[in-house]
Amino acid sequence: TCWNCKTPKIPTWVKEYGDDKFWSLDFNKFRTAKSISMDDETIGCANCHDPKTMNLVITSFPLKEALVREGKDPAKLSRNELRALVCAQCHVEYYFTDPGQGSNKKPVFPWDQGKDPEQIYEYYNAHGDTKTKGFEGKFADWTHPVSKTPMVKVQHPEYETWFNGTHGAAGVTCADCHMSFTRLDGKKKISNHQWRSPLKDIDTACRQCHADKTPQYLKERVEYTQKKTYSQLILAQESSVRAHEAVRLANEFTGAKNAGYDNLMIQAKENVRKDQFLWDFVSAENSVGFH
């Protein structure tokens, strides 16, 4: 259910309906005034903070379960880890489980083999119930109407791209850049809770580390990376469209075929499936390549 990232009420609902049942319930069931107050119970403080201590805390069931599978205790994470992981409760790649793969329609983070796009793709190839010939047992969100290929739709893997990127490797967290520190009354330092692009406040968000660079230089570096990424995405997108069309034409071919034609078609579909997944991993992510 998409409610996982829309309200702090998930723990209450899971307790009420049970972990197995809740996730497969109709999304619209909880849109009534009786179920939720859209003024007071949208995403807020309780999603990331312990109401009693205001310490950072993980409340997302899918994230807790992913961390446990990695051998981590969600209750014993460092503050620096939490300054990124509270964002990973929502800004991640995920999928809804197929029947036989756990609680039906429960969101799961596909990190068991790692957070690299190639590793996540291999995870999907072993966690589904697709029946299409050559793709049995693989996960698919939809079937492409042109090539008839079972496809995976990437969501918004900001955490994964950050994790494998320059800033993640350096231990710079999401909050360092997107919630840079500000001072109350010129004294007490807190994280700015107006989540936004670091380019809105380069001095505070970027130049705490990059003090030797001017704001203009830093802005130009970000824009250079994003423009290069976008131009490459367009080229890859055009190639993907042509590849799907080529598979369609091959599907419709009625002439004499070699003995291995069907296997070649499966391989061609696998290629367009994986290529579009890798393209989508960058396209669906919201930093346009900068993370």
C-alpha atoms as a PDB file:
ATOM      1  CA  THR A   1       0.000   0.000   0.000  1.00  0.00           C
ATOM      2  CA  CYS A   2       1.167   3.502  -0.802  1.00  0.00           C
ATOM      3  CA  TRP A   3       0.055   4.636   2.659  1.00  0.00           C
ATOM      4  CA  ASN A   4       3.477   3.524   3.921  1.00  0.00           C
ATOM      5  CA  CYS A   5       4.852   6.942   2.947  1.00  0.00           C
ATOM      6  CA  LYS A   6       1.774   9.086   3.453  1.00  0.00           C
ATOM      7  CA  THR A   7       1.071   8.965   7.185  1.00  0.00           C
ATOM      8  CA  PRO A   8       2.531   8.065  10.597  1.00  0.00           C
ATOM      9  CA  LYS A   9      -0.512   5.835  11.248  1.00  0.00           C
ATOM     10  CA  ILE A  10       0.956   2.683   9.662  1.00  0.00           C
ATOM     11  CA  PRO A  11       1.990   1.085  13.006  1.00  0.00           C
ATOM     12  CA  THR A  12      -1.549   1.665  14.314  1.00  0.00           C
ATOM     13  CA  TRP A  13      -3.165   0.116  11.247  1.00  0.00           C
ATOM     14  CA  VAL A  14      -0.800  -2.865  11.151  1.00  0.00           C
ATOM     15  CA  LYS A  15      -1.601  -3.552  14.798  1.00  0.00           C
ATOM     16  CA  GLU A  16      -5.335  -3.273  14.089  1.00  0.00           C
ATOM     17  CA  TYR A  17      -5.524  -5.405  10.929  1.00  0.00           C
ATOM     18  CA  GLY A  18      -2.441  -7.612  11.241  1.00  0.00           C
ATOM     19  CA  ASP A  19       0.745  -7.581   9.186  1.00  0.00           C
ATOM     20  CA  ASP A  20      -0.459 -10.142   6.629  1.00  0.00           C
ATOM     21  CA  LYS A  21      -3.850  -8.546   5.962  1.00  0.00           C
ATOM     22  CA  PHE A  22      -3.196  -4.808   6.134  1.00  0.00           C
ATOM     23  CA  TRP A  23      -0.949  -4.393   3.088  1.00  0.00           C
ATOM     24  CA  SER A  24      -3.399  -5.937   0.627  1.00  0.00           C
ATOM     25  CA  LEU A  25      -6.383  -3.851   1.747  1.00  0.00           C
ATOM     26  CA  ASP A  26      -7.870  -1.341  -0.702  1.00  0.00           C
ATOM     27  CA  PHE A  27      -5.992   1.984  -0.590  1.00  0.00           C
ATOM     28  CA  ASN A  28      -9.301   3.885  -0.725  1.00  0.00           C
ATOM     29  CA  LYS A  29     -10.548   2.180   2.443  1.00  0.00           C
ATOM     30  CA  PHE A  30      -8.365   4.542   4.478  1.00  0.00           C
ATOM     31  CA  ARG A  31      -9.184   7.796   2.689  1.00  0.00           C
ATOM     32  CA  THR A  32     -12.274   8.511   4.775  1.00  0.00           C
ATOM     33  CA  ALA A  33     -12.417  11.077   7.575  1.00  0.00           C
ATOM     34  CA  LYS A  34     -13.136   8.191   9.958  1.00  0.00           C
ATOM     35  CA  SER A  35      -9.807   6.545   9.112  1.00  0.00           C
ATOM     36  CA  ILE A  36      -7.476   9.512   8.859  1.00  0.00           C
ATOM     37  CA  SER A  37      -7.306  13.247   9.386  1.00  0.00           C
ATOM     38  CA  MET A  38      -5.699  14.768   6.312  1.00  0.00           C
ATOM     39  CA  ASP A  39      -4.856  17.839   8.387  1.00  0.00           C
ATOM     40  CA  ASP A  40      -3.189  16.165  11.365  1.00  0.00           C
ATOM     41  CA  GLU A  41      -2.142  12.693  10.212  1.00  0.00           C
ATOM     42  CA  THR A  42      -0.215  13.252   7.006  1.00  0.00           C
ATOM     43  CA  ILE A  43       3.539  12.589   6.952  1.00  0.00           C
ATOM     44  CA  GLY A  44       5.076  14.500   9.838  1.00  0.00           C
ATOM     45  CA  CYS A  45       7.270  14.488  12.935  1.00  0.00           C
ATOM     46  CA  ALA A  46       6.296  10.986  14.089  1.00  0.00           C
ATOM     47  CA  ASN A  47       7.548   9.414  10.852  1.00  0.00           C
ATOM     48  CA  CYS A  48      11.142  10.235  11.793  1.00  0.00           C
ATOM     49  CA  HIS A  49      11.163  11.136  15.496  1.00  0.00           C
ATOM     50  CA  ASP A  50      10.370   9.337  18.737  1.00  0.00           C
ATOM     51  CA  PRO A  51       7.428  11.384  20.134  1.00  0.00           C
ATOM     52  CA  LYS A  52       8.821  11.142  23.677  1.00  0.00           C
ATOM     53  CA  THR A  53      12.495  11.947  23.110  1.00  0.00           C
ATOM     54  CA  MET A  54      12.459  13.458  19.586  1.00  0.00           C
ATOM     55  CA  ASN A  55      15.431  11.221  18.748  1.00  0.00           C
ATOM     56  CA  LEU A  56      15.594   9.990  15.164  1.00  0.00           C
ATOM     57  CA  VAL A  57      13.874   6.629  14.752  1.00  0.00           C
ATOM     58  CA  ILE A  58      12.894   4.232  11.956  1.00  0.00           C
ATOM     59  CA  THR A  59       9.123   3.682  11.771  1.00  0.00           C
ATOM     60  CA  SER A  60       8.876   2.098   8.302  1.00  0.00           C
ATOM     61  CA  PHE A  61       8.147  -1.644   8.432  1.00  0.00           C
ATOM     62  CA  PRO A  62       9.751  -2.345   5.008  1.00  0.00           C
ATOM     63  CA  LEU A  63      12.943  -0.487   5.964  1.00  0.00           C
ATOM     64  CA  LYS A  64      13.209  -2.200   9.345  1.00  0.00           C
ATOM     65  CA  GLU A  65      12.836  -5.584   7.668  1.00  0.00           C
ATOM     66  CA  ALA A  66      15.429  -4.736   4.996  1.00  0.00           C
ATOM     67  CA  LEU A  67      17.916  -3.692   7.684  1.00  0.00           C
ATOM     68  CA  VAL A  68      17.324  -6.889   9.654  1.00  0.00           C
ATOM     69  CA  ARG A  69      17.987  -8.939   6.512  1.00  0.00           C
ATOM     70  CA  GLU A  70      21.293  -7.046   6.247  1.00  0.00           C
ATOM     71  CA  GLY A  71      22.135  -8.093   9.804  1.00  0.00           C
ATOM     72  CA  LYS A  72      21.537  -4.665  11.341  1.00  0.00           C
ATOM     73  CA  ASP A  73      19.479  -3.776  14.410  1.00  0.00           C
ATOM     74  CA  PRO A  74      17.218  -0.786  13.551  1.00  0.00           C
ATOM     75  CA  ALA A  75      17.268   0.228  17.227  1.00  0.00           C
ATOM     76  CA  LYS A  76      21.080   0.416  17.383  1.00  0.00           C
ATOM     77  CA  LEU A  77      21.963   2.618  14.435  1.00  0.00           C
ATOM     78  CA  SER A  78      24.295   5.589  14.770  1.00  0.00           C
ATOM     79  CA  ARG A  79      22.898   9.097  14.542  1.00  0.00           C
ATOM     80  CA  ASN A  80      24.769   9.658  11.286  1.00  0.00           C
ATOM     81  CA  GLU A  81      23.249   6.507   9.776  1.00  0.00           C
ATOM     82  CA  LEU A  82      19.809   7.665  10.862  1.00  0.00           C
ATOM     83  CA  ARG A  83      20.292  11.078   9.228  1.00  0.00           C
ATOM     84  CA  ALA A  84      20.145   9.208   5.923  1.00  0.00           C
ATOM     85  CA  LEU A  85      17.958   6.229   6.800  1.00  0.00           C
ATOM     86  CA  VAL A  86      14.975   8.280   7.967  1.00  0.00           C
ATOM     87  CA  CYS A  87      14.881   9.532   4.370  1.00  0.00           C
ATOM     88  CA  ALA A  88      15.269   5.963   3.083  1.00  0.00           C
ATOM     89  CA  GLN A  89      11.891   5.170   4.604  1.00  0.00           C
ATOM     90  CA  CYS A  90      10.382   6.609   1.416  1.00  0.00           C
ATOM     91  CA  HIS A  91      13.056   7.801  -1.031  1.00  0.00           C
ATOM     92  CA  VAL A  92      13.943   4.311  -2.241  1.00  0.00           C
ATOM     93  CA  GLU A  93      13.278   1.652  -4.834  1.00  0.00           C
ATOM     94  CA  TYR A  94      10.636  -0.834  -3.679  1.00  0.00           C
ATOM     95  CA  TYR A  95       8.090  -3.275  -5.018  1.00  0.00           C
ATOM     96  CA  PHE A  96       4.835  -4.862  -3.880  1.00  0.00           C
ATOM     97  CA  THR A  97       5.141  -8.591  -3.270  1.00  0.00           C
ATOM     98  CA  ASP A  98       3.527 -11.133  -5.570  1.00  0.00           C
ATOM     99  CA  PRO A  99       1.411 -13.969  -4.112  1.00  0.00           C
ATOM    100  CA  GLY A 100       3.682 -16.624  -2.640  1.00  0.00           C
ATOM    101  CA  GLN A 101       6.490 -14.130  -1.992  1.00  0.00           C
ATOM    102  CA  GLY A 102       5.298 -12.966   1.439  1.00  0.00           C
ATOM    103  CA  SER A 103       2.418 -10.773   2.614  1.00  0.00           C
ATOM    104  CA  ASN A 104       0.518  -9.929  -0.566  1.00  0.00           C
ATOM    105  CA  LYS A 105       1.168  -6.377  -1.853  1.00  0.00           C
ATOM    106  CA  LYS A 106       3.490  -5.519   1.019  1.00  0.00           C
ATOM    107  CA  PRO A 107       6.209  -3.012   0.038  1.00  0.00           C
ATOM    108  CA  VAL A 108       9.672  -4.599   0.108  1.00  0.00           C
ATOM    109  CA  PHE A 109      13.089  -3.011  -0.447  1.00  0.00           C
ATOM    110  CA  PRO A 110      15.066  -5.260  -2.862  1.00  0.00           C
ATOM    111  CA  TRP A 111      18.455  -4.871  -1.156  1.00  0.00           C
ATOM    112  CA  ASP A 112      19.253  -8.481  -0.253  1.00  0.00           C
ATOM    113  CA  GLN A 113      22.036  -8.702  -2.854  1.00  0.00           C
ATOM    114  CA  GLY A 114      23.131  -5.074  -2.526  1.00  0.00           C
ATOM    115  CA  LYS A 115      21.997  -1.590  -3.535  1.00  0.00           C
ATOM    116  CA  ASP A 116      23.724  -1.367  -6.907  1.00  0.00           C
ATOM    117  CA  PRO A 117      21.282  -1.346  -9.868  1.00  0.00           C
ATOM    118  CA  GLU A 118      22.758  -4.581 -11.250  1.00  0.00           C
ATOM    119  CA  GLN A 119      22.324  -6.286  -7.867  1.00  0.00           C
ATOM    120  CA  ILE A 120      18.752  -5.070  -7.506  1.00  0.00           C
ATOM    121  CA  TYR A 121      17.953  -6.297 -11.013  1.00  0.00           C
ATOM    122  CA  GLU A 122      19.266  -9.758 -10.173  1.00  0.00           C
ATOM    123  CA  TYR A 123      17.123  -9.741  -7.031  1.00  0.00           C
ATOM    124  CA  TYR A 124      14.025  -9.077  -9.142  1.00  0.00           C
ATOM    125  CA  ASN A 125      14.920 -11.982 -11.406  1.00  0.00           C
ATOM    126  CA  ALA A 126      14.413 -14.360  -8.477  1.00  0.00           C
ATOM    127  CA  HIS A 127      11.446 -12.842  -6.615  1.00  0.00           C
ATOM    128  CA  GLY A 128       8.325 -12.963  -8.748  1.00  0.00           C
ATOM    129  CA  ASP A 129       5.606 -15.150 -10.196  1.00  0.00           C
ATOM    130  CA  THR A 130       5.802 -14.250 -13.892  1.00  0.00           C
ATOM    131  CA  LYS A 131       4.533 -17.058 -16.115  1.00  0.00           C
ATOM    132  CA  THR A 132       5.821 -15.728 -19.461  1.00  0.00           C
ATOM    133  CA  LYS A 133       8.056 -18.258 -21.231  1.00  0.00           C
ATOM    134  CA  GLY A 134      11.703 -17.553 -20.483  1.00  0.00           C
ATOM    135  CA  PHE A 135      10.851 -15.286 -17.541  1.00  0.00           C
ATOM    136  CA  GLU A 136       9.274 -17.795 -15.170  1.00  0.00           C
ATOM    137  CA  GLY A 137       9.726 -16.836 -11.516  1.00  0.00           C
ATOM    138  CA  LYS A 138      10.935 -13.319 -12.285  1.00  0.00           C
ATOM    139  CA  PHE A 139       9.241 -10.213 -10.939  1.00  0.00           C
ATOM    140  CA  ALA A 140       7.358  -7.926 -13.313  1.00  0.00           C
ATOM    141  CA  ASP A 141       5.219  -4.842 -12.705  1.00  0.00           C
ATOM    142  CA  TRP A 142       3.739  -4.841 -16.206  1.00  0.00           C
ATOM    143  CA  THR A 143       4.070  -6.209 -19.714  1.00  0.00           C
ATOM    144  CA  HIS A 144       5.285  -3.814 -22.392  1.00  0.00           C
ATOM    145  CA  PRO A 145       2.487  -3.470 -24.984  1.00  0.00           C
ATOM    146  CA  VAL A 146       4.909  -3.229 -27.922  1.00  0.00           C
ATOM    147  CA  SER A 147       7.496  -5.947 -27.258  1.00  0.00           C
ATOM    148  CA  LYS A 148       5.310  -8.070 -24.919  1.00  0.00           C
ATOM    149  CA  THR A 149       8.219  -8.140 -22.463  1.00  0.00           C
ATOM    150  CA  PRO A 150       7.658  -8.462 -18.677  1.00  0.00           C
ATOM    151  CA  MET A 151       9.056  -5.199 -17.265  1.00  0.00           C
ATOM    152  CA  VAL A 152      10.127  -3.770 -13.899  1.00  0.00           C
ATOM    153  CA  LYS A 153       9.093  -0.193 -13.073  1.00  0.00           C
ATOM    154  CA  VAL A 154      11.646   1.611 -10.913  1.00  0.00           C
ATOM    155  CA  GLN A 155      10.250   4.023  -8.326  1.00  0.00           C
ATOM    156  CA  HIS A 156      12.558   6.725  -6.887  1.00  0.00           C
ATOM    157  CA  PRO A 157      15.893   5.258  -5.712  1.00  0.00           C
ATOM    158  CA  GLU A 158      17.440   8.382  -4.195  1.00  0.00           C
ATOM    159  CA  TYR A 159      18.843   6.474  -1.205  1.00  0.00           C
ATOM    160  CA  GLU A 160      20.443   3.778  -3.356  1.00  0.00           C
ATOM    161  CA  THR A 161      22.099   6.241  -5.737  1.00  0.00           C
ATOM    162  CA  TRP A 162      23.315   8.347  -2.797  1.00  0.00           C
ATOM    163  CA  PHE A 163      24.589   5.208  -1.029  1.00  0.00           C
ATOM    164  CA  ASN A 164      26.746   4.264  -4.013  1.00  0.00           C
ATOM    165  CA  GLY A 165      27.715   7.843  -4.839  1.00  0.00           C
ATOM    166  CA  THR A 166      30.484  10.226  -3.810  1.00  0.00           C
ATOM    167  CA  HIS A 167      28.653  11.830  -0.898  1.00  0.00           C
ATOM    168  CA  GLY A 168      27.371   8.549   0.496  1.00  0.00           C
ATOM    169  CA  ALA A 169      30.862   7.059   0.415  1.00  0.00           C
ATOM    170  CA  ALA A 170      32.159  10.112   2.298  1.00  0.00           C
ATOM    171  CA  GLY A 171      29.551   9.756   5.050  1.00  0.00           C
ATOM    172  CA  VAL A 172      27.701  12.923   4.037  1.00  0.00           C
ATOM    173  CA  THR A 173      24.021  12.290   4.753  1.00  0.00           C
ATOM    174  CA  CYS A 174      20.793  13.380   3.079  1.00  0.00           C
ATOM    175  CA  ALA A 175      20.103  15.776   5.952  1.00  0.00           C
ATOM    176  CA  ASP A 176      23.518  17.438   5.622  1.00  0.00           C
ATOM    177  CA  CYS A 177      22.602  18.717   2.161  1.00  0.00           C
ATOM    178  CA  HIS A 178      18.798  18.834   2.071  1.00  0.00           C
ATOM    179  CA  MET A 179      18.198  19.889   5.706  1.00  0.00           C
ATOM    180  CA  SER A 180      21.257  22.029   6.369  1.00  0.00           C
ATOM    181  CA  PHE A 181      21.718  23.459   9.848  1.00  0.00           C
ATOM    182  CA  THR A 182      20.177  26.748  10.867  1.00  0.00           C
ATOM    183  CA  ARG A 183      20.255  28.613  14.176  1.00  0.00           C
ATOM    184  CA  LEU A 184      17.297  29.649  16.303  1.00  0.00           C
ATOM    185  CA  ASP A 185      17.683  33.094  17.861  1.00  0.00           C
ATOM    186  CA  GLY A 186      21.244  33.032  16.604  1.00  0.00           C
ATOM    187  CA  LYS A 187      22.125  30.331  19.152  1.00  0.00           C
ATOM    188  CA  LYS A 188      20.604  26.851  19.067  1.00  0.00           C
ATOM    189  CA  LYS A 189      21.507  24.874  15.941  1.00  0.00           C
ATOM    190  CA  ILE A 190      18.838  22.656  14.346  1.00  0.00           C
ATOM    191  CA  SER A 191      18.273  20.968  10.989  1.00  0.00           C
ATOM    192  CA  ASN A 192      16.146  23.055   8.654  1.00  0.00           C
ATOM    193  CA  HIS A 193      12.938  21.077   8.112  1.00  0.00           C
ATOM    194  CA  GLN A 194      12.073  22.812   4.851  1.00  0.00           C
ATOM    195  CA  TRP A 195      13.383  19.902   2.750  1.00  0.00           C
ATOM    196  CA  ARG A 196      14.755  21.392  -0.438  1.00  0.00           C
ATOM    197  CA  SER A 197      17.456  21.434  -3.072  1.00  0.00           C
ATOM    198  CA  PRO A 198      20.905  22.357  -1.705  1.00  0.00           C
ATOM    199  CA  LEU A 199      21.094  24.893  -4.535  1.00  0.00           C
ATOM    200  CA  LYS A 200      18.564  26.988  -2.612  1.00  0.00           C
ATOM    201  CA  ASP A 201      21.201  27.663   0.054  1.00  0.00           C
ATOM    202  CA  ILE A 202      24.637  26.773  -1.285  1.00  0.00           C
ATOM    203  CA  ASP A 203      26.575  28.544   1.462  1.00  0.00           C
ATOM    204  CA  THR A 204      24.986  26.476   4.217  1.00  0.00           C
ATOM    205  CA  ALA A 205      24.340  23.224   2.357  1.00  0.00           C
ATOM    206  CA  CYS A 206      27.495  22.913   0.237  1.00  0.00           C
ATOM    207  CA  ARG A 207      30.189  25.284   1.437  1.00  0.00           C
ATOM    208  CA  GLN A 208      30.388  23.803   4.927  1.00  0.00           C
ATOM    209  CA  CYS A 209      32.579  21.199   3.202  1.00  0.00           C
ATOM    210  CA  HIS A 210      33.478  22.938  -0.063  1.00  0.00           C
ATOM    211  CA  ALA A 211      34.582  26.212   1.519  1.00  0.00           C
ATOM    212  CA  ASP A 212      37.314  26.686  -1.085  1.00  0.00           C
ATOM    213  CA  LYS A 213      34.743  26.909  -3.903  1.00  0.00           C
ATOM    214  CA  THR A 214      32.435  29.792  -4.801  1.00  0.00           C
ATOM    215  CA  PRO A 215      28.645  29.325  -4.839  1.00  0.00           C
ATOM    216  CA  GLN A 216      28.632  29.966  -8.586  1.00  0.00           C
ATOM    217  CA  TYR A 217      31.252  27.276  -9.228  1.00  0.00           C
ATOM    218  CA  LEU A 218      29.355  24.711  -7.152  1.00  0.00           C
ATOM    219  CA  LYS A 219      26.062  25.497  -8.873  1.00  0.00           C
ATOM    220  CA  GLU A 220      27.681  25.149 -12.293  1.00  0.00           C
ATOM    221  CA  ARG A 221      29.184  21.759 -11.345  1.00  0.00           C
ATOM    222  CA  VAL A 222      25.771  20.449 -10.312  1.00  0.00           C
ATOM    223  CA  GLU A 223      24.115  21.747 -13.465  1.00  0.00           C
ATOM    224  CA  TYR A 224      26.900  20.316 -15.646  1.00  0.00           C
ATOM    225  CA  THR A 225      26.371  16.851 -14.158  1.00  0.00           C
ATOM    226  CA  GLN A 226      22.609  17.083 -14.541  1.00  0.00           C
ATOM    227  CA  LYS A 227      22.743  18.294 -18.145  1.00  0.00           C
ATOM    228  CA  LYS A 228      25.157  15.522 -19.139  1.00  0.00           C
ATOM    229  CA  THR A 229      23.001  12.928 -17.397  1.00  0.00           C
ATOM    230  CA  TYR A 230      19.809  14.196 -19.018  1.00  0.00           C
ATOM    231  CA  SER A 231      21.316  14.203 -22.513  1.00  0.00           C
ATOM    232  CA  GLN A 232      22.495  10.607 -22.054  1.00  0.00           C
ATOM    233  CA  LEU A 233      19.070   9.602 -20.736  1.00  0.00           C
ATOM    234  CA  ILE A 234      17.426  10.926 -23.899  1.00  0.00           C
ATOM    235  CA  LEU A 235      19.833   8.945 -26.098  1.00  0.00           C
ATOM    236  CA  ALA A 236      19.256   5.777 -24.065  1.00  0.00           C
ATOM    237  CA  GLN A 237      15.507   6.355 -24.142  1.00  0.00           C
ATOM    238  CA  GLU A 238      15.489   6.574 -27.929  1.00  0.00           C
ATOM    239  CA  SER A 239      17.536   3.373 -28.184  1.00  0.00           C
ATOM    240  CA  SER A 240      15.124   1.604 -25.836  1.00  0.00           C
ATOM    241  CA  VAL A 241      12.127   2.632 -27.943  1.00  0.00           C
ATOM    242  CA  ARG A 242      13.805   1.287 -31.086  1.00  0.00           C
ATOM    243  CA  ALA A 243      14.730  -1.948 -29.299  1.00  0.00           C
ATOM    244  CA  HIS A 244      11.127  -2.597 -28.234  1.00  0.00           C
ATOM    245  CA  GLU A 245       9.993  -1.941 -31.795  1.00  0.00           C
ATOM    246  CA  ALA A 246      12.622  -4.353 -33.153  1.00  0.00           C
ATOM    247  CA  VAL A 247      11.364  -7.065 -30.804  1.00  0.00           C
ATOM    248  CA  ARG A 248       7.796  -6.381 -31.950  1.00  0.00           C
ATOM    249  CA  LEU A 249       8.769  -6.851 -35.580  1.00  0.00           C
ATOM    250  CA  ALA A 250      10.626 -10.053 -34.726  1.00  0.00           C
ATOM    251  CA  ASN A 251       7.594 -11.313 -32.788  1.00  0.00           C
ATOM    252  CA  GLU A 252       5.406 -10.752 -35.848  1.00  0.00           C
ATOM    253  CA  PHE A 253       7.812 -12.345 -38.343  1.00  0.00           C
ATOM    254  CA  THR A 254       6.099 -15.269 -40.072  1.00  0.00           C
ATOM    255  CA  GLY A 255       8.838 -16.456 -42.424  1.00  0.00           C
ATOM    256  CA  ALA A 256      11.269 -19.355 -42.029  1.00  0.00           C
ATOM    257  CA  LYS A 257      13.074 -19.300 -38.666  1.00  0.00           C
ATOM    258  CA  ASN A 258      16.255 -20.876 -37.351  1.00  0.00           C
ATOM    259  CA  ALA A 259      15.971 -23.628 -34.754  1.00  0.00           C
ATOM    260  CA  GLY A 260      17.108 -21.294 -31.970  1.00  0.00           C
ATOM    261  CA  TYR A 261      14.801 -18.416 -32.916  1.00  0.00           C
ATOM    262  CA  ASP A 262      12.614 -18.664 -29.807  1.00  0.00           C
ATOM    263  CA  ASN A 263      15.631 -18.619 -27.502  1.00  0.00           C
ATOM    264  CA  LEU A 264      17.024 -15.612 -29.348  1.00  0.00           C
ATOM    265  CA  MET A 265      13.693 -13.843 -28.834  1.00  0.00           C
ATOM    266  CA  ILE A 266      13.826 -14.552 -25.101  1.00  0.00           C
ATOM    267  CA  GLN A 267      17.353 -13.121 -24.964  1.00  0.00           C
ATOM    268  CA  ALA A 268      16.284 -10.051 -26.939  1.00  0.00           C
ATOM    269  CA  LYS A 269      13.411  -9.449 -24.519  1.00  0.00           C
ATOM    270  CA  GLU A 270      15.751  -9.929 -21.569  1.00  0.00           C
ATOM    271  CA  ASN A 271      18.071  -7.302 -23.049  1.00  0.00           C
ATOM    272  CA  VAL A 272      15.322  -4.695 -23.474  1.00  0.00           C
ATOM    273  CA  ARG A 273      13.965  -5.523 -20.003  1.00  0.00           C
ATOM    274  CA  LYS A 274      17.332  -4.990 -18.315  1.00  0.00           C
ATOM    275  CA  ASP A 275      18.310  -1.981 -20.426  1.00  0.00           C
ATOM    276  CA  GLN A 276      15.075  -0.151 -19.653  1.00  0.00           C
ATOM    277  CA  PHE A 277      15.423  -1.015 -15.954  1.00  0.00           C
ATOM    278  CA  LEU A 278      18.896   0.569 -15.844  1.00  0.00           C
ATOM    279  CA  TRP A 279      17.648   3.617 -17.768  1.00  0.00           C
ATOM    280  CA  ASP A 280      14.673   3.939 -15.429  1.00  0.00           C
ATOM    281  CA  PHE A 281      16.911   3.668 -12.351  1.00  0.00           C
ATOM    282  CA  VAL A 282      18.481   6.978 -13.379  1.00  0.00           C
ATOM    283  CA  SER A 283      15.377   8.542 -14.917  1.00  0.00           C
ATOM    284  CA  ALA A 284      13.055   7.888 -11.959  1.00  0.00           C
ATOM    285  CA  GLU A 285      15.633   9.119  -9.437  1.00  0.00           C
ATOM    286  CA  ASN A 286      15.208  12.776  -8.528  1.00  0.00           C
ATOM    287  CA  SER A 287      18.763  14.171  -8.573  1.00  0.00           C
ATOM    288  CA  VAL A 288      19.188  13.858 -12.379  1.00  0.00           C
ATOM    289  CA  GLY A 289      22.475  12.038 -11.873  1.00  0.00           C
ATOM    290  CA  PHE A 290      23.978  14.183  -9.127  1.00  0.00           C
ATOM    291  CA  HIS A 291      23.658  11.681  -6.278  1.00  0.00           C
END
